[in-house]
Amino acid sequence: MECINLGEKIEAARAGKIKNNHFFGTDNFRSWMLYFEPGDDTPMHFHQNPETFLVVRGELSIKDIKGGERVVKKDDIVFFPAKEYYQLINKGTEPLVLFGNRSEPFGVGITRAEPAK
């Protein structure tokens, strides 16, 4: 068994300006925390496997490949099926903290959306 303290990890991410914090990983599972300052985001992308995010702090704006947008808040859990494009954005004025899980090991890359022409 392994155990971490989420509060300590959040403070370390804030102090070190670390956006992606790996927690636990095996050959078929990983969990991590994202710490986004206001304005931080990800590229439009998808993963090969399903994943979830729990919003721990702040408000998360999620955009889809067709331009749709949804805002989720603290204590909301978001599920993304495999190969579904999305972009995560902190449009708020406070830090955004997400806890994520995905059924793949660390090191598997993302598939980015093609730039608009």
PDB file of N, CA and C in Angstrom:
ATOM      1  N   MET A   1       0.849  -1.178   0.000  1.00  0.00           N
ATOM      2  CA  MET A   1       0.000   0.000   0.000  1.00  0.00           C
ATOM      3  C   MET A   1       0.894   1.240   0.000  1.00  0.00           C
ATOM      4  N   GLU A   2       0.452   2.253  -0.741  1.00  0.00           N
ATOM      5  CA  GLU A   2       1.117   3.545  -0.742  1.00  0.00           C
ATOM      6  C   GLU A   2       0.097   4.605  -0.346  1.00  0.00           C
ATOM      7  N   CYS A   3       0.575   5.662   0.259  1.00  0.00           N
ATOM      8  CA  CYS A   3      -0.315   6.728   0.720  1.00  0.00           C
ATOM      9  C   CYS A   3       0.393   8.062   0.542  1.00  0.00           C
ATOM     10  N   ILE A   4      -0.353   9.072   0.122  1.00  0.00           N
ATOM     11  CA  ILE A   4       0.172  10.428   0.028  1.00  0.00           C
ATOM     12  C   ILE A   4      -0.818  11.372   0.685  1.00  0.00           C
ATOM     13  N   ASN A   5      -0.364  12.583   0.999  1.00  0.00           N
ATOM     14  CA  ASN A   5      -1.241  13.608   1.544  1.00  0.00           C
ATOM     15  C   ASN A   5      -1.501  14.629   0.442  1.00  0.00           C
ATOM     16  N   LEU A   6      -2.742  14.737   0.009  1.00  0.00           N
ATOM     17  CA  LEU A   6      -3.087  15.611  -1.099  1.00  0.00           C
ATOM     18  C   LEU A   6      -2.785  17.075  -0.775  1.00  0.00           C
ATOM     19  N   GLY A   7      -3.054  17.508   0.434  1.00  0.00           N
ATOM     20  CA  GLY A   7      -2.764  18.889   0.822  1.00  0.00           C
ATOM     21  C   GLY A   7      -1.291  19.220   0.673  1.00  0.00           C
ATOM     22  N   GLU A   8      -0.422  18.305   1.085  1.00  0.00           N
ATOM     23  CA  GLU A   8       1.021  18.518   0.945  1.00  0.00           C
ATOM     24  C   GLU A   8       1.424  18.574  -0.526  1.00  0.00           C
ATOM     25  N   LYS A   9       0.835  17.724  -1.341  1.00  0.00           N
ATOM     26  CA  LYS A   9       1.143  17.714  -2.773  1.00  0.00           C
ATOM     27  C   LYS A   9       0.673  19.007  -3.452  1.00  0.00           C
ATOM     28  N   ILE A  10      -0.476  19.509  -3.043  1.00  0.00           N
ATOM     29  CA  ILE A  10      -0.977  20.760  -3.606  1.00  0.00           C
ATOM     30  C   ILE A  10      -0.042  21.902  -3.246  1.00  0.00           C
ATOM     31  N   GLU A  11       0.389  21.968  -2.006  1.00  0.00           N
ATOM     32  CA  GLU A  11       1.294  23.037  -1.584  1.00  0.00           C
ATOM     33  C   GLU A  11       2.636  22.947  -2.308  1.00  0.00           C
ATOM     34  N   ALA A  12       3.164  21.742  -2.474  1.00  0.00           N
ATOM     35  CA  ALA A  12       4.430  21.569  -3.197  1.00  0.00           C
ATOM     36  C   ALA A  12       4.282  21.986  -4.658  1.00  0.00           C
ATOM     37  N   ALA A  13       3.152  21.673  -5.266  1.00  0.00           N
ATOM     38  CA  ALA A  13       2.906  22.066  -6.659  1.00  0.00           C
ATOM     39  C   ALA A  13       2.827  23.583  -6.778  1.00  0.00           C
ATOM     40  N   ARG A  14       2.143  24.212  -5.829  1.00  0.00           N
ATOM     41  CA  ARG A  14       2.024  25.675  -5.839  1.00  0.00           C
ATOM     42  C   ARG A  14       3.401  26.313  -5.693  1.00  0.00           C
ATOM     43  N   ALA A  15       4.156  25.860  -4.705  1.00  0.00           N
ATOM     44  CA  ALA A  15       5.469  26.451  -4.431  1.00  0.00           C
ATOM     45  C   ALA A  15       6.449  26.226  -5.586  1.00  0.00           C
ATOM     46  N   GLY A  16       6.387  25.045  -6.202  1.00  0.00           N
ATOM     47  CA  GLY A  16       7.318  24.715  -7.278  1.00  0.00           C
ATOM     48  C   GLY A  16       6.799  24.994  -8.668  1.00  0.00           C
ATOM     49  N   LYS A  17       5.565  25.528  -8.741  1.00  0.00           N
ATOM     50  CA  LYS A  17       4.923  25.788 -10.038  1.00  0.00           C
ATOM     51  C   LYS A  17       4.951  24.540 -10.923  1.00  0.00           C
ATOM     52  N   ILE A  18       4.566  23.406 -10.324  1.00  0.00           N
ATOM     53  CA  ILE A  18       4.557  22.113 -11.012  1.00  0.00           C
ATOM     54  C   ILE A  18       3.131  21.828 -11.470  1.00  0.00           C
ATOM     55  N   LYS A  19       2.908  21.763 -12.778  1.00  0.00           N
ATOM     56  CA  LYS A  19       1.561  21.556 -13.312  1.00  0.00           C
ATOM     57  C   LYS A  19       1.108  20.102 -13.222  1.00  0.00           C
ATOM     58  N   ASN A  20       1.997  19.152 -13.503  1.00  0.00           N
ATOM     59  CA  ASN A  20       1.616  17.739 -13.564  1.00  0.00           C
ATOM     60  C   ASN A  20       2.427  16.958 -12.535  1.00  0.00           C
ATOM     61  N   ASN A  21       1.743  16.395 -11.555  1.00  0.00           N
ATOM     62  CA  ASN A  21       2.368  15.685 -10.455  1.00  0.00           C
ATOM     63  C   ASN A  21       1.960  14.219 -10.486  1.00  0.00           C
ATOM     64  N   HIS A  22       2.895  13.334 -10.793  1.00  0.00           N
ATOM     65  CA  HIS A  22       2.603  11.906 -10.840  1.00  0.00           C
ATOM     66  C   HIS A  22       2.475  11.357  -9.425  1.00  0.00           C
ATOM     67  N   PHE A  23       1.450  10.550  -9.202  1.00  0.00           N
ATOM     68  CA  PHE A  23       1.247   9.946  -7.890  1.00  0.00           C
ATOM     69  C   PHE A  23       1.582   8.454  -7.938  1.00  0.00           C
ATOM     70  N   PHE A  24       0.664   7.656  -8.453  1.00  0.00           N
ATOM     71  CA  PHE A  24       0.839   6.201  -8.456  1.00  0.00           C
ATOM     72  C   PHE A  24       0.790   5.687  -9.887  1.00  0.00           C
ATOM     73  N   GLY A  25       1.585   4.678 -10.196  1.00  0.00           N
ATOM     74  CA  GLY A  25       1.571   4.131 -11.539  1.00  0.00           C
ATOM     75  C   GLY A  25       1.977   2.672 -11.572  1.00  0.00           C
ATOM     76  N   THR A  26       1.329   1.927 -12.468  1.00  0.00           N
ATOM     77  CA  THR A  26       1.670   0.536 -12.738  1.00  0.00           C
ATOM     78  C   THR A  26       1.701   0.371 -14.255  1.00  0.00           C
ATOM     79  N   ASP A  27       1.781  -0.855 -14.724  1.00  0.00           N
ATOM     80  CA  ASP A  27       1.806  -1.068 -16.171  1.00  0.00           C
ATOM     81  C   ASP A  27       0.437  -0.879 -16.827  1.00  0.00           C
ATOM     82  N   ASN A  28      -0.638  -0.735 -16.027  1.00  0.00           N
ATOM     83  CA  ASN A  28      -1.963  -0.530 -16.623  1.00  0.00           C
ATOM     84  C   ASN A  28      -2.812   0.508 -15.882  1.00  0.00           C
ATOM     85  N   PHE A  29      -2.162   1.364 -15.093  1.00  0.00           N
ATOM     86  CA  PHE A  29      -2.900   2.362 -14.315  1.00  0.00           C
ATOM     87  C   PHE A  29      -1.970   3.497 -13.913  1.00  0.00           C
ATOM     88  N   ARG A  30      -2.552   4.703 -13.846  1.00  0.00           N
ATOM     89  CA  ARG A  30      -1.808   5.827 -13.273  1.00  0.00           C
ATOM     90  C   ARG A  30      -2.768   6.824 -12.642  1.00  0.00           C
ATOM     91  N   SER A  31      -2.264   7.531 -11.646  1.00  0.00           N
ATOM     92  CA  SER A  31      -3.008   8.627 -11.039  1.00  0.00           C
ATOM     93  C   SER A  31      -2.062   9.804 -10.865  1.00  0.00           C
ATOM     94  N   TRP A  32      -2.611  10.994 -10.966  1.00  0.00           N
ATOM     95  CA  TRP A  32      -1.804  12.200 -10.929  1.00  0.00           C
ATOM     96  C   TRP A  32      -2.669  13.373 -10.509  1.00  0.00           C
ATOM     97  N   MET A  33      -2.011  14.505 -10.290  1.00  0.00           N
ATOM     98  CA  MET A  33      -2.689  15.741  -9.950  1.00  0.00           C
ATOM     99  C   MET A  33      -2.230  16.825 -10.924  1.00  0.00           C
ATOM    100  N   LEU A  34      -3.179  17.602 -11.416  1.00  0.00           N
ATOM    101  CA  LEU A  34      -2.858  18.778 -12.218  1.00  0.00           C
ATOM    102  C   LEU A  34      -3.087  20.020 -11.366  1.00  0.00           C
ATOM    103  N   TYR A  35      -2.140  20.936 -11.404  1.00  0.00           N
ATOM    104  CA  TYR A  35      -2.236  22.202 -10.678  1.00  0.00           C
ATOM    105  C   TYR A  35      -2.087  23.315 -11.711  1.00  0.00           C
ATOM    106  N   PHE A  36      -3.161  24.028 -11.991  1.00  0.00           N
ATOM    107  CA  PHE A  36      -3.166  25.074 -13.007  1.00  0.00           C
ATOM    108  C   PHE A  36      -3.420  26.431 -12.366  1.00  0.00           C
ATOM    109  N   GLU A  37      -2.518  27.363 -12.620  1.00  0.00           N
ATOM    110  CA  GLU A  37      -2.759  28.755 -12.251  1.00  0.00           C
ATOM    111  C   GLU A  37      -3.787  29.317 -13.233  1.00  0.00           C
ATOM    112  N   PRO A  38      -4.411  30.462 -12.899  1.00  0.00           N
ATOM    113  CA  PRO A  38      -5.355  31.068 -13.842  1.00  0.00           C
ATOM    114  C   PRO A  38      -4.713  31.258 -15.220  1.00  0.00           C
ATOM    115  N   GLY A  39      -5.448  30.851 -16.255  1.00  0.00           N
ATOM    116  CA  GLY A  39      -4.972  30.962 -17.628  1.00  0.00           C
ATOM    117  C   GLY A  39      -4.253  29.731 -18.149  1.00  0.00           C
ATOM    118  N   ASP A  40      -3.823  28.830 -17.264  1.00  0.00           N
ATOM    119  CA  ASP A  40      -3.159  27.600 -17.712  1.00  0.00           C
ATOM    120  C   ASP A  40      -4.159  26.696 -18.427  1.00  0.00           C
ATOM    121  N   ASP A  41      -3.650  25.922 -19.396  1.00  0.00           N
ATOM    122  CA  ASP A  41      -4.511  25.003 -20.131  1.00  0.00           C
ATOM    123  C   ASP A  41      -3.701  23.853 -20.704  1.00  0.00           C
ATOM    124  N   THR A  42      -4.413  22.935 -21.321  1.00  0.00           N
ATOM    125  CA  THR A  42      -3.797  21.830 -22.062  1.00  0.00           C
ATOM    126  C   THR A  42      -4.080  22.056 -23.545  1.00  0.00           C
ATOM    127  N   PRO A  43      -3.371  21.368 -24.419  1.00  0.00           N
ATOM    128  CA  PRO A  43      -3.767  21.409 -25.830  1.00  0.00           C
ATOM    129  C   PRO A  43      -5.048  20.586 -26.023  1.00  0.00           C
ATOM    130  N   MET A  44      -5.717  20.794 -27.152  1.00  0.00           N
ATOM    131  CA  MET A  44      -6.839  19.930 -27.523  1.00  0.00           C
ATOM    132  C   MET A  44      -6.231  18.572 -27.850  1.00  0.00           C
ATOM    133  N   HIS A  45      -6.683  17.511 -27.168  1.00  0.00           N
ATOM    134  CA  HIS A  45      -6.053  16.201 -27.324  1.00  0.00           C
ATOM    135  C   HIS A  45      -6.980  15.085 -26.860  1.00  0.00           C
ATOM    136  N   PHE A  46      -6.553  13.840 -27.095  1.00  0.00           N
ATOM    137  CA  PHE A  46      -7.235  12.687 -26.503  1.00  0.00           C
ATOM    138  C   PHE A  46      -6.199  11.659 -26.094  1.00  0.00           C
ATOM    139  N   HIS A  47      -6.684  10.680 -25.319  1.00  0.00           N
ATOM    140  CA  HIS A  47      -5.858   9.563 -24.865  1.00  0.00           C
ATOM    141  C   HIS A  47      -6.444   8.259 -25.404  1.00  0.00           C
ATOM    142  N   GLN A  48      -5.634   7.237 -25.442  1.00  0.00           N
ATOM    143  CA  GLN A  48      -6.047   5.926 -25.941  1.00  0.00           C
ATOM    144  C   GLN A  48      -6.955   5.173 -24.976  1.00  0.00           C
ATOM    145  N   ASN A  49      -7.006   5.610 -23.723  1.00  0.00           N
ATOM    146  CA  ASN A  49      -7.775   4.906 -22.692  1.00  0.00           C
ATOM    147  C   ASN A  49      -8.681   5.868 -21.937  1.00  0.00           C
ATOM    148  N   PRO A  50      -9.748   5.346 -21.315  1.00  0.00           N
ATOM    149  CA  PRO A  50     -10.651   6.203 -20.546  1.00  0.00           C
ATOM    150  C   PRO A  50      -9.937   6.813 -19.340  1.00  0.00           C
ATOM    151  N   GLU A  51     -10.484   7.931 -18.878  1.00  0.00           N
ATOM    152  CA  GLU A  51      -9.915   8.581 -17.700  1.00  0.00           C
ATOM    153  C   GLU A  51     -10.984   9.362 -16.952  1.00  0.00           C
ATOM    154  N   THR A  52     -10.668   9.684 -15.696  1.00  0.00           N
ATOM    155  CA  THR A  52     -11.538  10.526 -14.886  1.00  0.00           C
ATOM    156  C   THR A  52     -10.718  11.645 -14.264  1.00  0.00           C
ATOM    157  N   PHE A  53     -11.411  12.739 -13.945  1.00  0.00           N
ATOM    158  CA  PHE A  53     -10.839  13.841 -13.181  1.00  0.00           C
ATOM    159  C   PHE A  53     -11.813  14.210 -12.070  1.00  0.00           C
ATOM    160  N   LEU A  54     -11.281  14.433 -10.883  1.00  0.00           N
ATOM    161  CA  LEU A  54     -12.025  14.981  -9.755  1.00  0.00           C
ATOM    162  C   LEU A  54     -11.530  16.404  -9.561  1.00  0.00           C
ATOM    163  N   VAL A  55     -12.453  17.373  -9.581  1.00  0.00           N
ATOM    164  CA  VAL A  55     -12.079  18.762  -9.344  1.00  0.00           C
ATOM    165  C   VAL A  55     -11.957  18.948  -7.834  1.00  0.00           C
ATOM    166  N   VAL A  56     -10.735  19.212  -7.377  1.00  0.00           N
ATOM    167  CA  VAL A  56     -10.452  19.358  -5.948  1.00  0.00           C
ATOM    168  C   VAL A  56     -10.586  20.820  -5.520  1.00  0.00           C
ATOM    169  N   ARG A  57     -10.129  21.732  -6.386  1.00  0.00           N
ATOM    170  CA  ARG A  57     -10.230  23.175  -6.118  1.00  0.00           C
ATOM    171  C   ARG A  57     -10.467  23.902  -7.429  1.00  0.00           C
ATOM    172  N   GLY A  58     -11.232  24.993  -7.356  1.00  0.00           N
ATOM    173  CA  GLY A  58     -11.414  25.853  -8.517  1.00  0.00           C
ATOM    174  C   GLY A  58     -12.528  25.412  -9.449  1.00  0.00           C
ATOM    175  N   GLU A  59     -12.539  26.026 -10.623  1.00  0.00           N
ATOM    176  CA  GLU A  59     -13.510  25.729 -11.672  1.00  0.00           C
ATOM    177  C   GLU A  59     -12.762  25.357 -12.941  1.00  0.00           C
ATOM    178  N   LEU A  60     -13.221  24.310 -13.576  1.00  0.00           N
ATOM    179  CA  LEU A  60     -12.596  23.780 -14.779  1.00  0.00           C
ATOM    180  C   LEU A  60     -13.498  24.024 -15.980  1.00  0.00           C
ATOM    181  N   SER A  61     -12.932  24.630 -17.004  1.00  0.00           N
ATOM    182  CA  SER A  61     -13.623  24.762 -18.283  1.00  0.00           C
ATOM    183  C   SER A  61     -13.104  23.656 -19.192  1.00  0.00           C
ATOM    184  N   ILE A  62     -14.020  22.887 -19.773  1.00  0.00           N
ATOM    185  CA  ILE A  62     -13.660  21.796 -20.676  1.00  0.00           C
ATOM    186  C   ILE A  62     -14.234  22.118 -22.050  1.00  0.00           C
ATOM    187  N   LYS A  63     -13.350  22.186 -23.043  1.00  0.00           N
ATOM    188  CA  LYS A  63     -13.803  22.396 -24.418  1.00  0.00           C
ATOM    189  C   LYS A  63     -13.709  21.089 -25.175  1.00  0.00           C
ATOM    190  N   ASP A  64     -14.665  20.883 -26.101  1.00  0.00           N
ATOM    191  CA  ASP A  64     -14.597  19.702 -26.958  1.00  0.00           C
ATOM    192  C   ASP A  64     -14.166  20.118 -28.363  1.00  0.00           C
ATOM    193  N   ILE A  65     -13.923  19.152 -29.202  1.00  0.00           N
ATOM    194  CA  ILE A  65     -13.370  19.389 -30.537  1.00  0.00           C
ATOM    195  C   ILE A  65     -14.325  20.195 -31.427  1.00  0.00           C
ATOM    196  N   LYS A  66     -15.621  20.181 -31.121  1.00  0.00           N
ATOM    197  CA  LYS A  66     -16.606  20.894 -31.928  1.00  0.00           C
ATOM    198  C   LYS A  66     -16.863  22.310 -31.424  1.00  0.00           C
ATOM    199  N   GLY A  67     -16.136  22.723 -30.370  1.00  0.00           N
ATOM    200  CA  GLY A  67     -16.296  24.078 -29.842  1.00  0.00           C
ATOM    201  C   GLY A  67     -17.211  24.172 -28.644  1.00  0.00           C
ATOM    202  N   GLY A  68     -17.812  23.045 -28.246  1.00  0.00           N
ATOM    203  CA  GLY A  68     -18.650  23.060 -27.055  1.00  0.00           C
ATOM    204  C   GLY A  68     -17.812  23.284 -25.813  1.00  0.00           C
ATOM    205  N   GLU A  69     -18.442  23.821 -24.781  1.00  0.00           N
ATOM    206  CA  GLU A  69     -17.726  24.087 -23.542  1.00  0.00           C
ATOM    207  C   GLU A  69     -18.627  23.785 -22.353  1.00  0.00           C
ATOM    208  N   ARG A  70     -18.009  23.236 -21.310  1.00  0.00           N
ATOM    209  CA  ARG A  70     -18.728  22.941 -20.079  1.00  0.00           C
ATOM    210  C   ARG A  70     -17.857  23.343 -18.908  1.00  0.00           C
ATOM    211  N   VAL A  71     -18.453  23.938 -17.896  1.00  0.00           N
ATOM    212  CA  VAL A  71     -17.725  24.319 -16.688  1.00  0.00           C
ATOM    213  C   VAL A  71     -18.126  23.373 -15.569  1.00  0.00           C
ATOM    214  N   VAL A  72     -17.132  22.813 -14.900  1.00  0.00           N
ATOM    215  CA  VAL A  72     -17.373  21.961 -13.742  1.00  0.00           C
ATOM    216  C   VAL A  72     -16.628  22.550 -12.556  1.00  0.00           C
ATOM    217  N   LYS A  73     -17.112  22.238 -11.359  1.00  0.00           N
ATOM    218  CA  LYS A  73     -16.609  22.877 -10.150  1.00  0.00           C
ATOM    219  C   LYS A  73     -16.154  21.849  -9.123  1.00  0.00           C
ATOM    220  N   LYS A  74     -15.657  22.372  -8.027  1.00  0.00           N
ATOM    221  CA  LYS A  74     -15.167  21.544  -6.927  1.00  0.00           C
ATOM    222  C   LYS A  74     -16.148  20.411  -6.618  1.00  0.00           C
ATOM    223  N   ASP A  75     -15.578  19.230  -6.431  1.00  0.00           N
ATOM    224  CA  ASP A  75     -16.297  17.991  -6.096  1.00  0.00           C
ATOM    225  C   ASP A  75     -16.994  17.338  -7.284  1.00  0.00           C
ATOM    226  N   ASP A  76     -16.922  17.939  -8.470  1.00  0.00           N
ATOM    227  CA  ASP A  76     -17.449  17.289  -9.670  1.00  0.00           C
ATOM    228  C   ASP A  76     -16.421  16.281 -10.182  1.00  0.00           C
ATOM    229  N   ILE A  77     -16.909  15.181 -10.733  1.00  0.00           N
ATOM    230  CA  ILE A  77     -16.058  14.161 -11.350  1.00  0.00           C
ATOM    231  C   ILE A  77     -16.424  14.096 -12.829  1.00  0.00           C
ATOM    232  N   VAL A  78     -15.402  14.132 -13.674  1.00  0.00           N
ATOM    233  CA  VAL A  78     -15.597  14.120 -15.122  1.00  0.00           C
ATOM    234  C   VAL A  78     -15.025  12.817 -15.677  1.00  0.00           C
ATOM    235  N   PHE A  79     -15.762  12.178 -16.569  1.00  0.00           N
ATOM    236  CA  PHE A  79     -15.306  10.960 -17.242  1.00  0.00           C
ATOM    237  C   PHE A  79     -15.127  11.238 -18.719  1.00  0.00           C
ATOM    238  N   PHE A  80     -13.972  10.834 -19.268  1.00  0.00           N
ATOM    239  CA  PHE A  80     -13.715  10.924 -20.694  1.00  0.00           C
ATOM    240  C   PHE A  80     -13.525   9.524 -21.249  1.00  0.00           C
ATOM    241  N   PRO A  81     -14.331   9.129 -22.232  1.00  0.00           N
ATOM    242  CA  PRO A  81     -14.081   7.847 -22.905  1.00  0.00           C
ATOM    243  C   PRO A  81     -12.757   7.912 -23.667  1.00  0.00           C
ATOM    244  N   ALA A  82     -12.247   6.788 -24.039  1.00  0.00           N
ATOM    245  CA  ALA A  82     -11.039   6.730 -24.861  1.00  0.00           C
ATOM    246  C   ALA A  82     -11.277   7.485 -26.171  1.00  0.00           C
ATOM    247  N   LYS A  83     -10.255   8.156 -26.641  1.00  0.00           N
ATOM    248  CA  LYS A  83     -10.229   8.820 -27.944  1.00  0.00           C
ATOM    249  C   LYS A  83     -11.269   9.932 -28.100  1.00  0.00           C
ATOM    250  N   GLU A  84     -11.631  10.593 -27.000  1.00  0.00           N
ATOM    251  CA  GLU A  84     -12.532  11.744 -27.058  1.00  0.00           C
ATOM    252  C   GLU A  84     -11.700  13.009 -26.843  1.00  0.00           C
ATOM    253  N   TYR A  85     -11.680  13.877 -27.849  1.00  0.00           N
ATOM    254  CA  TYR A  85     -10.898  15.106 -27.756  1.00  0.00           C
ATOM    255  C   TYR A  85     -11.445  16.030 -26.674  1.00  0.00           C
ATOM    256  N   TYR A  86     -10.520  16.692 -25.971  1.00  0.00           N
ATOM    257  CA  TYR A  86     -10.892  17.704 -24.990  1.00  0.00           C
ATOM    258  C   TYR A  86      -9.719  18.623 -24.710  1.00  0.00           C
ATOM    259  N   GLN A  87     -10.033  19.781 -24.138  1.00  0.00           N
ATOM    260  CA  GLN A  87      -9.029  20.728 -23.663  1.00  0.00           C
ATOM    261  C   GLN A  87      -9.464  21.193 -22.278  1.00  0.00           C
ATOM    262  N   LEU A  88      -8.529  21.217 -21.328  1.00  0.00           N
ATOM    263  CA  LEU A  88      -8.790  21.674 -19.971  1.00  0.00           C
ATOM    264  C   LEU A  88      -8.253  23.097 -19.823  1.00  0.00           C
ATOM    265  N   ILE A  89      -9.055  23.979 -19.215  1.00  0.00           N
ATOM    266  CA  ILE A  89      -8.666  25.379 -19.079  1.00  0.00           C
ATOM    267  C   ILE A  89      -9.065  25.898 -17.701  1.00  0.00           C
ATOM    268  N   ASN A  90      -8.148  26.596 -17.048  1.00  0.00           N
ATOM    269  CA  ASN A  90      -8.495  27.315 -15.831  1.00  0.00           C
ATOM    270  C   ASN A  90      -8.805  28.749 -16.218  1.00  0.00           C
ATOM    271  N   LYS A  91     -10.082  29.061 -16.318  1.00  0.00           N
ATOM    272  CA  LYS A  91     -10.500  30.425 -16.650  1.00  0.00           C
ATOM    273  C   LYS A  91     -10.801  31.231 -15.393  1.00  0.00           C
ATOM    274  N   GLY A  92     -10.649  30.604 -14.241  1.00  0.00           N
ATOM    275  CA  GLY A  92     -10.940  31.270 -12.976  1.00  0.00           C
ATOM    276  C   GLY A  92      -9.832  32.199 -12.529  1.00  0.00           C
ATOM    277  N   THR A  93     -10.014  32.760 -11.347  1.00  0.00           N
ATOM    278  CA  THR A  93      -9.038  33.678 -10.765  1.00  0.00           C
ATOM    279  C   THR A  93      -8.202  33.015  -9.680  1.00  0.00           C
ATOM    280  N   GLU A  94      -8.491  31.763  -9.386  1.00  0.00           N
ATOM    281  CA  GLU A  94      -7.765  31.017  -8.360  1.00  0.00           C
ATOM    282  C   GLU A  94      -7.169  29.761  -8.980  1.00  0.00           C
ATOM    283  N   PRO A  95      -6.205  29.132  -8.290  1.00  0.00           N
ATOM    284  CA  PRO A  95      -5.643  27.882  -8.805  1.00  0.00           C
ATOM    285  C   PRO A  95      -6.712  26.799  -8.984  1.00  0.00           C
ATOM    286  N   LEU A  96      -6.495  25.962  -9.973  1.00  0.00           N
ATOM    287  CA  LEU A  96      -7.351  24.818 -10.266  1.00  0.00           C
ATOM    288  C   LEU A  96      -6.561  23.562  -9.936  1.00  0.00           C
ATOM    289  N   VAL A  97      -7.161  22.658  -9.174  1.00  0.00           N
ATOM    290  CA  VAL A  97      -6.506  21.401  -8.820  1.00  0.00           C
ATOM    291  C   VAL A  97      -7.411  20.255  -9.243  1.00  0.00           C
ATOM    292  N   LEU A  98      -6.854  19.335 -10.051  1.00  0.00           N
ATOM    293  CA  LEU A  98      -7.585  18.156 -10.520  1.00  0.00           C
ATOM    294  C   LEU A  98      -6.830  16.909 -10.116  1.00  0.00           C
ATOM    295  N   PHE A  99      -7.550  15.871  -9.712  1.00  0.00           N
ATOM    296  CA  PHE A  99      -6.968  14.564  -9.459  1.00  0.00           C
ATOM    297  C   PHE A  99      -7.433  13.660 -10.582  1.00  0.00           C
ATOM    298  N   GLY A 100      -6.493  13.019 -11.292  1.00  0.00           N
ATOM    299  CA  GLY A 100      -6.839  12.206 -12.445  1.00  0.00           C
ATOM    300  C   GLY A 100      -6.412  10.761 -12.320  1.00  0.00           C
ATOM    301  N   ASN A 101      -7.134   9.885 -13.021  1.00  0.00           N
ATOM    302  CA  ASN A 101      -6.828   8.456 -13.128  1.00  0.00           C
ATOM    303  C   ASN A 101      -7.029   8.030 -14.572  1.00  0.00           C
ATOM    304  N   ARG A 102      -6.148   7.181 -15.057  1.00  0.00           N
ATOM    305  CA  ARG A 102      -6.300   6.643 -16.411  1.00  0.00           C
ATOM    306  C   ARG A 102      -5.745   5.226 -16.428  1.00  0.00           C
ATOM    307  N   SER A 103      -6.337   4.392 -17.266  1.00  0.00           N
ATOM    308  CA  SER A 103      -5.946   2.984 -17.346  1.00  0.00           C
ATOM    309  C   SER A 103      -4.827   2.773 -18.358  1.00  0.00           C
ATOM    310  N   GLU A 104      -3.656   3.374 -18.059  1.00  0.00           N
ATOM    311  CA  GLU A 104      -2.448   3.178 -18.847  1.00  0.00           C
ATOM    312  C   GLU A 104      -1.263   3.627 -17.998  1.00  0.00           C
ATOM    313  N   PRO A 105      -0.067   3.181 -18.314  1.00  0.00           N
ATOM    314  CA  PRO A 105       1.096   3.588 -17.537  1.00  0.00           C
ATOM    315  C   PRO A 105       1.519   5.015 -17.870  1.00  0.00           C
ATOM    316  N   PHE A 106       2.336   5.607 -17.000  1.00  0.00           N
ATOM    317  CA  PHE A 106       2.936   6.895 -17.311  1.00  0.00           C
ATOM    318  C   PHE A 106       3.822   6.737 -18.542  1.00  0.00           C
ATOM    319  N   GLY A 107       3.917   7.785 -19.336  1.00  0.00           N
ATOM    320  CA  GLY A 107       4.795   7.765 -20.493  1.00  0.00           C
ATOM    321  C   GLY A 107       4.078   7.567 -21.815  1.00  0.00           C
ATOM    322  N   VAL A 108       2.803   7.174 -21.779  1.00  0.00           N
ATOM    323  CA  VAL A 108       2.030   7.026 -23.013  1.00  0.00           C
ATOM    324  C   VAL A 108       1.614   8.424 -23.456  1.00  0.00           C
ATOM    325  N   GLY A 109       1.923   8.777 -24.675  1.00  0.00           N
ATOM    326  CA  GLY A 109       1.685  10.127 -25.164  1.00  0.00           C
ATOM    327  C   GLY A 109       0.237  10.411 -25.490  1.00  0.00           C
ATOM    328  N   ILE A 110      -0.020  11.682 -25.763  1.00  0.00           N
ATOM    329  CA  ILE A 110      -1.358  12.140 -26.163  1.00  0.00           C
ATOM    330  C   ILE A 110      -1.434  12.233 -27.685  1.00  0.00           C
ATOM    331  N   THR A 111      -2.660  12.291 -28.183  1.00  0.00           N
ATOM    332  CA  THR A 111      -2.888  12.563 -29.603  1.00  0.00           C
ATOM    333  C   THR A 111      -3.480  13.962 -29.682  1.00  0.00           C
ATOM    334  N   ARG A 112      -2.733  14.887 -30.271  1.00  0.00           N
ATOM    335  CA  ARG A 112      -3.183  16.267 -30.383  1.00  0.00           C
ATOM    336  C   ARG A 112      -4.100  16.446 -31.594  1.00  0.00           C
ATOM    337  N   ALA A 113      -5.015  17.383 -31.465  1.00  0.00           N
ATOM    338  CA  ALA A 113      -5.884  17.724 -32.594  1.00  0.00           C
ATOM    339  C   ALA A 113      -5.049  18.433 -33.655  1.00  0.00           C
ATOM    340  N   GLU A 114      -5.394  18.242 -34.890  1.00  0.00           N
ATOM    341  CA  GLU A 114      -4.735  18.942 -35.987  1.00  0.00           C
ATOM    342  C   GLU A 114      -5.107  20.423 -35.898  1.00  0.00           C
ATOM    343  N   PRO A 115      -4.147  21.320 -36.162  1.00  0.00           N
ATOM    344  CA  PRO A 115      -4.486  22.752 -36.130  1.00  0.00           C
ATOM    345  C   PRO A 115      -5.519  23.087 -37.205  1.00  0.00           C
ATOM    346  N   ALA A 116      -6.374  24.043 -36.884  1.00  0.00           N
ATOM    347  CA  ALA A 116      -7.387  24.495 -37.848  1.00  0.00           C
ATOM    348  C   ALA A 116      -6.680  25.149 -39.036  1.00  0.00           C
ATOM    349  N   LYS A 117      -7.236  24.925 -40.240  1.00  0.00           N
ATOM    350  CA  LYS A 117      -6.635  25.491 -41.444  1.00  0.00           C
ATOM    351  C   LYS A 117      -7.445  26.626 -41.990  1.00  0.00           C
TER     352      LYS A 117
END
